[in-house]
Amino acid sequence: MDENLEIIRANEAKRLLENSLLNEALDAIEEKFEASWKDSKLTQVTLREEAFRMLSAVKEVRAHLTNFVNTGKLASAAKEQREEAAVRERNVSEWDGSPDGQHRS
């Protein structure tokens, strides 16, 4: 995937992960299904399994968004390193070899 797109997606995912309304909604869903899972009777296998799947799905959404953020951090660091290397390369190619570090005009 394009590095710039990964950085954009990371920023969007970070905003989502920091969004208080989204977190409130996801927390409420997690609490609902966790309570349903824990409070289910032994005979309510289907209810318990469905609650566990839904709880896992919410956790997976958060993990997926976190993965976007981490991938974007790596892409951003790689881009920054390439840009710094390009500046160093340009400085070396412009250097005239003198001890005082003058650059060619």
PDB file of N, CA and C in Angstrom:
ATOM      1  N   MET A   1       0.838  -1.171   0.000  1.00  0.00           N
ATOM      2  CA  MET A   1       0.000   0.000   0.000  1.00  0.00           C
ATOM      3  C   MET A   1       0.886   1.238   0.000  1.00  0.00           C
ATOM      4  N   ASP A   2       0.396   2.295  -0.586  1.00  0.00           N
ATOM      5  CA  ASP A   2       1.117   3.551  -0.658  1.00  0.00           C
ATOM      6  C   ASP A   2       1.409   4.071   0.755  1.00  0.00           C
ATOM      7  N   GLU A   3       2.637   4.450   0.973  1.00  0.00           N
ATOM      8  CA  GLU A   3       3.084   4.920   2.280  1.00  0.00           C
ATOM      9  C   GLU A   3       2.267   6.110   2.778  1.00  0.00           C
ATOM     10  N   ASN A   4       1.994   7.062   1.886  1.00  0.00           N
ATOM     11  CA  ASN A   4       1.210   8.232   2.282  1.00  0.00           C
ATOM     12  C   ASN A   4      -0.201   7.835   2.689  1.00  0.00           C
ATOM     13  N   LEU A   5      -0.775   6.881   1.985  1.00  0.00           N
ATOM     14  CA  LEU A   5      -2.109   6.398   2.332  1.00  0.00           C
ATOM     15  C   LEU A   5      -2.089   5.717   3.698  1.00  0.00           C
ATOM     16  N   GLU A   6      -1.040   4.967   3.975  1.00  0.00           N
ATOM     17  CA  GLU A   6      -0.913   4.321   5.291  1.00  0.00           C
ATOM     18  C   GLU A   6      -0.841   5.359   6.411  1.00  0.00           C
ATOM     19  N   ILE A   7      -0.149   6.448   6.158  1.00  0.00           N
ATOM     20  CA  ILE A   7      -0.040   7.516   7.155  1.00  0.00           C
ATOM     21  C   ILE A   7      -1.398   8.189   7.359  1.00  0.00           C
ATOM     22  N   ILE A   8      -2.109   8.441   6.273  1.00  0.00           N
ATOM     23  CA  ILE A   8      -3.449   9.038   6.365  1.00  0.00           C
ATOM     24  C   ILE A   8      -4.380   8.116   7.134  1.00  0.00           C
ATOM     25  N   ARG A   9      -4.355   6.827   6.808  1.00  0.00           N
ATOM     26  CA  ARG A   9      -5.210   5.857   7.500  1.00  0.00           C
ATOM     27  C   ARG A   9      -4.853   5.777   8.987  1.00  0.00           C
ATOM     28  N   ALA A  10      -3.579   5.873   9.292  1.00  0.00           N
ATOM     29  CA  ALA A  10      -3.146   5.842  10.690  1.00  0.00           C
ATOM     30  C   ALA A  10      -3.713   7.030  11.449  1.00  0.00           C
ATOM     31  N   ASN A  11      -3.667   8.194  10.830  1.00  0.00           N
ATOM     32  CA  ASN A  11      -4.203   9.389  11.482  1.00  0.00           C
ATOM     33  C   ASN A  11      -5.703   9.279  11.697  1.00  0.00           C
ATOM     34  N   GLU A  12      -6.413   8.740  10.709  1.00  0.00           N
ATOM     35  CA  GLU A  12      -7.850   8.553  10.843  1.00  0.00           C
ATOM     36  C   GLU A  12      -8.168   7.527  11.934  1.00  0.00           C
ATOM     37  N   ALA A  13      -7.421   6.446  11.961  1.00  0.00           N
ATOM     38  CA  ALA A  13      -7.635   5.413  12.983  1.00  0.00           C
ATOM     39  C   ALA A  13      -7.341   5.969  14.370  1.00  0.00           C
ATOM     40  N   LYS A  14      -6.296   6.779  14.484  1.00  0.00           N
ATOM     41  CA  LYS A  14      -5.955   7.378  15.771  1.00  0.00           C
ATOM     42  C   LYS A  14      -7.080   8.277  16.250  1.00  0.00           C
ATOM     43  N   ARG A  15      -7.641   9.075  15.337  1.00  0.00           N
ATOM     44  CA  ARG A  15      -8.764   9.938  15.705  1.00  0.00           C
ATOM     45  C   ARG A  15      -9.958   9.109  16.181  1.00  0.00           C
ATOM     46  N   LEU A  16     -10.210   7.991  15.513  1.00  0.00           N
ATOM     47  CA  LEU A  16     -11.307   7.124  15.937  1.00  0.00           C
ATOM     48  C   LEU A  16     -11.045   6.536  17.318  1.00  0.00           C
ATOM     49  N   LEU A  17      -9.825   6.066  17.539  1.00  0.00           N
ATOM     50  CA  LEU A  17      -9.489   5.470  18.829  1.00  0.00           C
ATOM     51  C   LEU A  17      -9.547   6.492  19.964  1.00  0.00           C
ATOM     52  N   GLU A  18      -9.364   7.749  19.634  1.00  0.00           N
ATOM     53  CA  GLU A  18      -9.408   8.813  20.637  1.00  0.00           C
ATOM     54  C   GLU A  18     -10.789   9.460  20.745  1.00  0.00           C
ATOM     55  N   ASN A  19     -11.726   9.043  19.894  1.00  0.00           N
ATOM     56  CA  ASN A  19     -13.062   9.633  19.886  1.00  0.00           C
ATOM     57  C   ASN A  19     -13.851   9.135  21.093  1.00  0.00           C
ATOM     58  N   SER A  20     -14.231  10.050  21.953  1.00  0.00           N
ATOM     59  CA  SER A  20     -14.904   9.662  23.200  1.00  0.00           C
ATOM     60  C   SER A  20     -16.268   9.023  22.948  1.00  0.00           C
ATOM     61  N   LEU A  21     -17.007   9.498  21.962  1.00  0.00           N
ATOM     62  CA  LEU A  21     -18.319   8.919  21.682  1.00  0.00           C
ATOM     63  C   LEU A  21     -18.197   7.490  21.158  1.00  0.00           C
ATOM     64  N   LEU A  22     -17.243   7.267  20.259  1.00  0.00           N
ATOM     65  CA  LEU A  22     -17.035   5.908  19.749  1.00  0.00           C
ATOM     66  C   LEU A  22     -16.594   4.985  20.877  1.00  0.00           C
ATOM     67  N   ASN A  23     -15.673   5.446  21.711  1.00  0.00           N
ATOM     68  CA  ASN A  23     -15.209   4.623  22.828  1.00  0.00           C
ATOM     69  C   ASN A  23     -16.331   4.326  23.810  1.00  0.00           C
ATOM     70  N   GLU A  24     -17.168   5.312  24.052  1.00  0.00           N
ATOM     71  CA  GLU A  24     -18.309   5.097  24.944  1.00  0.00           C
ATOM     72  C   GLU A  24     -19.237   4.021  24.374  1.00  0.00           C
ATOM     73  N   ALA A  25     -19.488   4.089  23.075  1.00  0.00           N
ATOM     74  CA  ALA A  25     -20.351   3.099  22.432  1.00  0.00           C
ATOM     75  C   ALA A  25     -19.721   1.707  22.472  1.00  0.00           C
ATOM     76  N   LEU A  26     -18.454   1.613  22.128  1.00  0.00           N
ATOM     77  CA  LEU A  26     -17.785   0.312  22.137  1.00  0.00           C
ATOM     78  C   LEU A  26     -17.683  -0.256  23.552  1.00  0.00           C
ATOM     79  N   ASP A  27     -17.422   0.613  24.516  1.00  0.00           N
ATOM     80  CA  ASP A  27     -17.370   0.163  25.912  1.00  0.00           C
ATOM     81  C   ASP A  27     -18.724  -0.384  26.357  1.00  0.00           C
ATOM     82  N   ALA A  28     -19.796   0.312  25.979  1.00  0.00           N
ATOM     83  CA  ALA A  28     -21.143  -0.136  26.355  1.00  0.00           C
ATOM     84  C   ALA A  28     -21.466  -1.484  25.722  1.00  0.00           C
ATOM     85  N   ILE A  29     -21.080  -1.644  24.463  1.00  0.00           N
ATOM     86  CA  ILE A  29     -21.317  -2.926  23.771  1.00  0.00           C
ATOM     87  C   ILE A  29     -20.511  -4.031  24.446  1.00  0.00           C
ATOM     88  N   GLU A  30     -19.247  -3.751  24.749  1.00  0.00           N
ATOM     89  CA  GLU A  30     -18.417  -4.748  25.428  1.00  0.00           C
ATOM     90  C   GLU A  30     -19.017  -5.142  26.781  1.00  0.00           C
ATOM     91  N   GLU A  31     -19.443  -4.147  27.541  1.00  0.00           N
ATOM     92  CA  GLU A  31     -20.032  -4.433  28.854  1.00  0.00           C
ATOM     93  C   GLU A  31     -21.300  -5.280  28.721  1.00  0.00           C
ATOM     94  N   LYS A  32     -22.127  -4.937  27.746  1.00  0.00           N
ATOM     95  CA  LYS A  32     -23.382  -5.673  27.530  1.00  0.00           C
ATOM     96  C   LYS A  32     -23.111  -7.141  27.218  1.00  0.00           C
ATOM     97  N   PHE A  33     -22.229  -7.373  26.278  1.00  0.00           N
ATOM     98  CA  PHE A  33     -21.979  -8.755  25.877  1.00  0.00           C
ATOM     99  C   PHE A  33     -21.132  -9.520  26.890  1.00  0.00           C
ATOM    100  N   GLU A  34     -20.267  -8.819  27.583  1.00  0.00           N
ATOM    101  CA  GLU A  34     -19.500  -9.490  28.635  1.00  0.00           C
ATOM    102  C   GLU A  34     -20.426  -9.930  29.767  1.00  0.00           C
ATOM    103  N   ALA A  35     -21.359  -9.055  30.133  1.00  0.00           N
ATOM    104  CA  ALA A  35     -22.327  -9.411  31.171  1.00  0.00           C
ATOM    105  C   ALA A  35     -23.220 -10.564  30.708  1.00  0.00           C
ATOM    106  N   SER A  36     -23.650 -10.504  29.470  1.00  0.00           N
ATOM    107  CA  SER A  36     -24.495 -11.564  28.919  1.00  0.00           C
ATOM    108  C   SER A  36     -23.751 -12.894  28.907  1.00  0.00           C
ATOM    109  N   TRP A  37     -22.490 -12.845  28.542  1.00  0.00           N
ATOM    110  CA  TRP A  37     -21.656 -14.049  28.483  1.00  0.00           C
ATOM    111  C   TRP A  37     -21.443 -14.611  29.888  1.00  0.00           C
ATOM    112  N   LYS A  38     -21.090 -13.737  30.824  1.00  0.00           N
ATOM    113  CA  LYS A  38     -20.808 -14.197  32.185  1.00  0.00           C
ATOM    114  C   LYS A  38     -22.067 -14.647  32.933  1.00  0.00           C
ATOM    115  N   ASP A  39     -23.190 -13.991  32.666  1.00  0.00           N
ATOM    116  CA  ASP A  39     -24.419 -14.276  33.404  1.00  0.00           C
ATOM    117  C   ASP A  39     -25.260 -15.396  32.783  1.00  0.00           C
ATOM    118  N   SER A  40     -24.821 -15.914  31.651  1.00  0.00           N
ATOM    119  CA  SER A  40     -25.608 -16.965  30.990  1.00  0.00           C
ATOM    120  C   SER A  40     -25.561 -18.263  31.798  1.00  0.00           C
ATOM    121  N   LYS A  41     -26.652 -18.983  31.699  1.00  0.00           N
ATOM    122  CA  LYS A  41     -26.727 -20.280  32.377  1.00  0.00           C
ATOM    123  C   LYS A  41     -25.978 -21.318  31.547  1.00  0.00           C
ATOM    124  N   LEU A  42     -25.580 -22.388  32.179  1.00  0.00           N
ATOM    125  CA  LEU A  42     -24.858 -23.456  31.473  1.00  0.00           C
ATOM    126  C   LEU A  42     -25.650 -23.994  30.294  1.00  0.00           C
ATOM    127  N   THR A  43     -26.974 -23.975  30.392  1.00  0.00           N
ATOM    128  CA  THR A  43     -27.816 -24.503  29.313  1.00  0.00           C
ATOM    129  C   THR A  43     -27.963 -23.519  28.154  1.00  0.00           C
ATOM    130  N   GLN A  44     -27.538 -22.273  28.330  1.00  0.00           N
ATOM    131  CA  GLN A  44     -27.673 -21.243  27.290  1.00  0.00           C
ATOM    132  C   GLN A  44     -26.406 -21.158  26.436  1.00  0.00           C
ATOM    133  N   VAL A  45     -26.065 -22.257  25.864  1.00  0.00           N
ATOM    134  CA  VAL A  45     -24.823 -22.352  25.089  1.00  0.00           C
ATOM    135  C   VAL A  45     -24.828 -21.376  23.917  1.00  0.00           C
ATOM    136  N   THR A  46     -25.912 -21.324  23.174  1.00  0.00           N
ATOM    137  CA  THR A  46     -25.984 -20.452  21.998  1.00  0.00           C
ATOM    138  C   THR A  46     -25.854 -18.990  22.397  1.00  0.00           C
ATOM    139  N   LEU A  47     -26.561 -18.587  23.459  1.00  0.00           N
ATOM    140  CA  LEU A  47     -26.483 -17.212  23.939  1.00  0.00           C
ATOM    141  C   LEU A  47     -25.052 -16.873  24.365  1.00  0.00           C
ATOM    142  N   ARG A  48     -24.435 -17.758  25.096  1.00  0.00           N
ATOM    143  CA  ARG A  48     -23.079 -17.534  25.585  1.00  0.00           C
ATOM    144  C   ARG A  48     -22.085 -17.445  24.419  1.00  0.00           C
ATOM    145  N   GLU A  49     -22.223 -18.327  23.453  1.00  0.00           N
ATOM    146  CA  GLU A  49     -21.309 -18.301  22.303  1.00  0.00           C
ATOM    147  C   GLU A  49     -21.498 -17.038  21.469  1.00  0.00           C
ATOM    148  N   GLU A  50     -22.752 -16.625  21.280  1.00  0.00           N
ATOM    149  CA  GLU A  50     -23.014 -15.411  20.506  1.00  0.00           C
ATOM    150  C   GLU A  50     -22.455 -14.183  21.238  1.00  0.00           C
ATOM    151  N   ALA A  51     -22.656 -14.121  22.550  1.00  0.00           N
ATOM    152  CA  ALA A  51     -22.130 -13.006  23.329  1.00  0.00           C
ATOM    153  C   ALA A  51     -20.603 -12.971  23.251  1.00  0.00           C
ATOM    154  N   PHE A  52     -19.984 -14.125  23.329  1.00  0.00           N
ATOM    155  CA  PHE A  52     -18.527 -14.193  23.240  1.00  0.00           C
ATOM    156  C   PHE A  52     -18.047 -13.750  21.859  1.00  0.00           C
ATOM    157  N   ARG A  53     -18.745 -14.156  20.804  1.00  0.00           N
ATOM    158  CA  ARG A  53     -18.372 -13.735  19.438  1.00  0.00           C
ATOM    159  C   ARG A  53     -18.502 -12.224  19.279  1.00  0.00           C
ATOM    160  N   MET A  54     -19.579 -11.662  19.806  1.00  0.00           N
ATOM    161  CA  MET A  54     -19.777 -10.218  19.688  1.00  0.00           C
ATOM    162  C   MET A  54     -18.711  -9.458  20.493  1.00  0.00           C
ATOM    163  N   LEU A  55     -18.408  -9.934  21.658  1.00  0.00           N
ATOM    164  CA  LEU A  55     -17.362  -9.334  22.484  1.00  0.00           C
ATOM    165  C   LEU A  55     -16.021  -9.399  21.758  1.00  0.00           C
ATOM    166  N   SER A  56     -15.734 -10.525  21.173  1.00  0.00           N
ATOM    167  CA  SER A  56     -14.490 -10.695  20.412  1.00  0.00           C
ATOM    168  C   SER A  56     -14.455  -9.760  19.204  1.00  0.00           C
ATOM    169  N   ALA A  57     -15.604  -9.548  18.567  1.00  0.00           N
ATOM    170  CA  ALA A  57     -15.663  -8.675  17.393  1.00  0.00           C
ATOM    171  C   ALA A  57     -15.327  -7.234  17.765  1.00  0.00           C
ATOM    172  N   VAL A  58     -15.848  -6.757  18.876  1.00  0.00           N
ATOM    173  CA  VAL A  58     -15.548  -5.394  19.313  1.00  0.00           C
ATOM    174  C   VAL A  58     -14.054  -5.264  19.607  1.00  0.00           C
ATOM    175  N   LYS A  59     -13.499  -6.240  20.275  1.00  0.00           N
ATOM    176  CA  LYS A  59     -12.059  -6.216  20.568  1.00  0.00           C
ATOM    177  C   LYS A  59     -11.248  -6.250  19.268  1.00  0.00           C
ATOM    178  N   GLU A  60     -11.736  -6.982  18.290  1.00  0.00           N
ATOM    179  CA  GLU A  60     -11.050  -7.070  16.999  1.00  0.00           C
ATOM    180  C   GLU A  60     -11.074  -5.729  16.270  1.00  0.00           C
ATOM    181  N   VAL A  61     -12.183  -5.006  16.376  1.00  0.00           N
ATOM    182  CA  VAL A  61     -12.265  -3.672  15.759  1.00  0.00           C
ATOM    183  C   VAL A  61     -11.202  -2.766  16.362  1.00  0.00           C
ATOM    184  N   ARG A  62     -11.125  -2.748  17.693  1.00  0.00           N
ATOM    185  CA  ARG A  62     -10.110  -1.914  18.352  1.00  0.00           C
ATOM    186  C   ARG A  62      -8.696  -2.338  17.939  1.00  0.00           C
ATOM    187  N   ALA A  63      -8.454  -3.632  17.878  1.00  0.00           N
ATOM    188  CA  ALA A  63      -7.130  -4.141  17.502  1.00  0.00           C
ATOM    189  C   ALA A  63      -6.790  -3.769  16.057  1.00  0.00           C
ATOM    190  N   HIS A  64      -7.793  -3.833  15.188  1.00  0.00           N
ATOM    191  CA  HIS A  64      -7.565  -3.502  13.783  1.00  0.00           C
ATOM    192  C   HIS A  64      -7.204  -2.018  13.631  1.00  0.00           C
ATOM    193  N   LEU A  65      -7.924  -1.165  14.349  1.00  0.00           N
ATOM    194  CA  LEU A  65      -7.612   0.264  14.307  1.00  0.00           C
ATOM    195  C   LEU A  65      -6.219   0.531  14.870  1.00  0.00           C
ATOM    196  N   THR A  66      -5.877  -0.144  15.941  1.00  0.00           N
ATOM    197  CA  THR A  66      -4.543  -0.001  16.531  1.00  0.00           C
ATOM    198  C   THR A  66      -3.470  -0.452  15.541  1.00  0.00           C
ATOM    199  N   ASN A  67      -3.755  -1.505  14.791  1.00  0.00           N
ATOM    200  CA  ASN A  67      -2.820  -1.976  13.770  1.00  0.00           C
ATOM    201  C   ASN A  67      -2.610  -0.917  12.685  1.00  0.00           C
ATOM    202  N   PHE A  68      -3.695  -0.227  12.285  1.00  0.00           N
ATOM    203  CA  PHE A  68      -3.554   0.866  11.308  1.00  0.00           C
ATOM    204  C   PHE A  68      -2.621   1.945  11.854  1.00  0.00           C
ATOM    205  N   VAL A  69      -2.788   2.289  13.128  1.00  0.00           N
ATOM    206  CA  VAL A  69      -1.952   3.317  13.752  1.00  0.00           C
ATOM    207  C   VAL A  69      -0.490   2.876  13.750  1.00  0.00           C
ATOM    208  N   ASN A  70      -0.239   1.643  14.153  1.00  0.00           N
ATOM    209  CA  ASN A  70       1.141   1.142  14.203  1.00  0.00           C
ATOM    210  C   ASN A  70       1.775   1.064  12.831  1.00  0.00           C
ATOM    211  N   THR A  71       1.017   0.625  11.844  1.00  0.00           N
ATOM    212  CA  THR A  71       1.530   0.560  10.469  1.00  0.00           C
ATOM    213  C   THR A  71       1.859   1.961   9.972  1.00  0.00           C
ATOM    214  N   GLY A  72       1.010   2.918  10.299  1.00  0.00           N
ATOM    215  CA  GLY A  72       1.257   4.301   9.902  1.00  0.00           C
ATOM    216  C   GLY A  72       2.487   4.880  10.569  1.00  0.00           C
ATOM    217  N   LYS A  73       2.716   4.522  11.827  1.00  0.00           N
ATOM    218  CA  LYS A  73       3.927   4.979  12.523  1.00  0.00           C
ATOM    219  C   LYS A  73       5.171   4.457  11.819  1.00  0.00           C
ATOM    220  N   LEU A  74       5.137   3.183  11.431  1.00  0.00           N
ATOM    221  CA  LEU A  74       6.280   2.608  10.718  1.00  0.00           C
ATOM    222  C   LEU A  74       6.475   3.286   9.372  1.00  0.00           C
ATOM    223  N   ALA A  75       5.389   3.526   8.658  1.00  0.00           N
ATOM    224  CA  ALA A  75       5.478   4.186   7.353  1.00  0.00           C
ATOM    225  C   ALA A  75       6.014   5.602   7.508  1.00  0.00           C
ATOM    226  N   SER A  76       5.556   6.300   8.527  1.00  0.00           N
ATOM    227  CA  SER A  76       6.009   7.668   8.777  1.00  0.00           C
ATOM    228  C   SER A  76       7.501   7.693   9.122  1.00  0.00           C
ATOM    229  N   ALA A  77       7.939   6.756   9.949  1.00  0.00           N
ATOM    230  CA  ALA A  77       9.358   6.687  10.308  1.00  0.00           C
ATOM    231  C   ALA A  77      10.213   6.360   9.093  1.00  0.00           C
ATOM    232  N   ALA A  78       9.747   5.444   8.255  1.00  0.00           N
ATOM    233  CA  ALA A  78      10.500   5.086   7.054  1.00  0.00           C
ATOM    234  C   ALA A  78      10.592   6.272   6.105  1.00  0.00           C
ATOM    235  N   LYS A  79       9.488   6.997   5.961  1.00  0.00           N
ATOM    236  CA  LYS A  79       9.479   8.167   5.084  1.00  0.00           C
ATOM    237  C   LYS A  79      10.443   9.228   5.612  1.00  0.00           C
ATOM    238  N   GLU A  80      10.416   9.454   6.917  1.00  0.00           N
ATOM    239  CA  GLU A  80      11.304  10.437   7.530  1.00  0.00           C
ATOM    240  C   GLU A  80      12.776  10.049   7.343  1.00  0.00           C
ATOM    241  N   GLN A  81      13.090   8.771   7.514  1.00  0.00           N
ATOM    242  CA  GLN A  81      14.471   8.310   7.329  1.00  0.00           C
ATOM    243  C   GLN A  81      14.923   8.510   5.885  1.00  0.00           C
ATOM    244  N   ARG A  82      14.035   8.213   4.929  1.00  0.00           N
ATOM    245  CA  ARG A  82      14.379   8.408   3.515  1.00  0.00           C
ATOM    246  C   ARG A  82      14.614   9.881   3.214  1.00  0.00           C
ATOM    247  N   GLU A  83      13.768  10.737   3.782  1.00  0.00           N
ATOM    248  CA  GLU A  83      13.933  12.174   3.547  1.00  0.00           C
ATOM    249  C   GLU A  83      15.225  12.686   4.164  1.00  0.00           C
ATOM    250  N   GLU A  84      15.564  12.213   5.373  1.00  0.00           N
ATOM    251  CA  GLU A  84      16.820  12.611   6.008  1.00  0.00           C
ATOM    252  C   GLU A  84      18.017  12.103   5.210  1.00  0.00           C
ATOM    253  N   ALA A  85      17.921  10.888   4.695  1.00  0.00           N
ATOM    254  CA  ALA A  85      19.010  10.332   3.879  1.00  0.00           C
ATOM    255  C   ALA A  85      19.177  11.133   2.594  1.00  0.00           C
ATOM    256  N   ALA A  86      18.076  11.583   2.020  1.00  0.00           N
ATOM    257  CA  ALA A  86      18.145  12.383   0.793  1.00  0.00           C
ATOM    258  C   ALA A  86      18.820  13.720   1.070  1.00  0.00           C
ATOM    259  N   VAL A  87      18.521  14.322   2.223  1.00  0.00           N
ATOM    260  CA  VAL A  87      19.166  15.585   2.586  1.00  0.00           C
ATOM    261  C   VAL A  87      20.664  15.362   2.793  1.00  0.00           C
ATOM    262  N   ARG A  88      21.032  14.294   3.494  1.00  0.00           N
ATOM    263  CA  ARG A  88      22.460  13.995   3.700  1.00  0.00           C
ATOM    264  C   ARG A  88      23.155  13.756   2.360  1.00  0.00           C
ATOM    265  N   GLU A  89      22.519  13.009   1.496  1.00  0.00           N
ATOM    266  CA  GLU A  89      23.094  12.716   0.170  1.00  0.00           C
ATOM    267  C   GLU A  89      23.289  14.010  -0.619  1.00  0.00           C
ATOM    268  N   ARG A  90      22.294  14.889  -0.553  1.00  0.00           N
ATOM    269  CA  ARG A  90      22.389  16.166  -1.255  1.00  0.00           C
ATOM    270  C   ARG A  90      23.519  17.007  -0.664  1.00  0.00           C
ATOM    271  N   ASN A  91      23.657  17.011   0.663  1.00  0.00           N
ATOM    272  CA  ASN A  91      24.734  17.774   1.303  1.00  0.00           C
ATOM    273  C   ASN A  91      26.106  17.228   0.917  1.00  0.00           C
ATOM    274  N   VAL A  92      26.226  15.912   0.853  1.00  0.00           N
ATOM    275  CA  VAL A  92      27.492  15.296   0.464  1.00  0.00           C
ATOM    276  C   VAL A  92      27.819  15.628  -0.984  1.00  0.00           C
ATOM    277  N   SER A  93      26.830  15.572  -1.857  1.00  0.00           N
ATOM    278  CA  SER A  93      27.103  15.843  -3.274  1.00  0.00           C
ATOM    279  C   SER A  93      27.411  17.320  -3.513  1.00  0.00           C
ATOM    280  N   GLU A  94      26.925  18.213  -2.649  1.00  0.00           N
ATOM    281  CA  GLU A  94      27.200  19.642  -2.792  1.00  0.00           C
ATOM    282  C   GLU A  94      28.499  20.057  -2.111  1.00  0.00           C
ATOM    283  N   TRP A  95      29.050  19.222  -1.254  1.00  0.00           N
ATOM    284  CA  TRP A  95      30.265  19.556  -0.520  1.00  0.00           C
ATOM    285  C   TRP A  95      31.437  19.630  -1.474  1.00  0.00           C
ATOM    286  N   ASP A  96      32.247  20.644  -1.338  1.00  0.00           N
ATOM    287  CA  ASP A  96      33.355  20.829  -2.278  1.00  0.00           C
ATOM    288  C   ASP A  96      34.640  20.147  -1.834  1.00  0.00           C
ATOM    289  N   GLY A  97      34.602  19.426  -0.710  1.00  0.00           N
ATOM    290  CA  GLY A  97      35.761  18.688  -0.236  1.00  0.00           C
ATOM    291  C   GLY A  97      36.683  19.478   0.660  1.00  0.00           C
ATOM    292  N   SER A  98      36.392  20.738   0.865  1.00  0.00           N
ATOM    293  CA  SER A  98      37.252  21.566   1.715  1.00  0.00           C
ATOM    294  C   SER A  98      37.046  21.231   3.177  1.00  0.00           C
ATOM    295  N   PRO A  99      38.082  21.410   4.012  1.00  0.00           N
ATOM    296  CA  PRO A  99      37.973  21.074   5.435  1.00  0.00           C
ATOM    297  C   PRO A  99      36.945  21.913   6.190  1.00  0.00           C
ATOM    298  N   ASP A 100      36.663  23.120   5.683  1.00  0.00           N
ATOM    299  CA  ASP A 100      35.715  23.967   6.400  1.00  0.00           C
ATOM    300  C   ASP A 100      34.262  23.621   6.067  1.00  0.00           C
ATOM    301  N   GLY A 101      34.064  22.636   5.217  1.00  0.00           N
ATOM    302  CA  GLY A 101      32.727  22.136   4.917  1.00  0.00           C
ATOM    303  C   GLY A 101      31.917  23.014   3.994  1.00  0.00           C
ATOM    304  N   GLN A 102      32.598  23.804   3.173  1.00  0.00           N
ATOM    305  CA  GLN A 102      31.875  24.672   2.248  1.00  0.00           C
ATOM    306  C   GLN A 102      31.150  23.853   1.186  1.00  0.00           C
ATOM    307  N   HIS A 103      30.071  24.403   0.737  1.00  0.00           N
ATOM    308  CA  HIS A 103      29.279  23.759  -0.321  1.00  0.00           C
ATOM    309  C   HIS A 103      29.502  24.507  -1.623  1.00  0.00           C
ATOM    310  N   ARG A 104      29.395  23.796  -2.710  1.00  0.00           N
ATOM    311  CA  ARG A 104      29.507  24.392  -4.023  1.00  0.00           C
ATOM    312  C   ARG A 104      28.322  25.320  -4.251  1.00  0.00           C
ATOM    313  N   SER A 105      28.574  26.386  -4.944  1.00  0.00           N
ATOM    314  CA  SER A 105      27.481  27.334  -5.229  1.00  0.00           C
ATOM    315  C   SER A 105      26.874  27.069  -6.552  1.00  0.00           C
TER     316      SER A 105
END
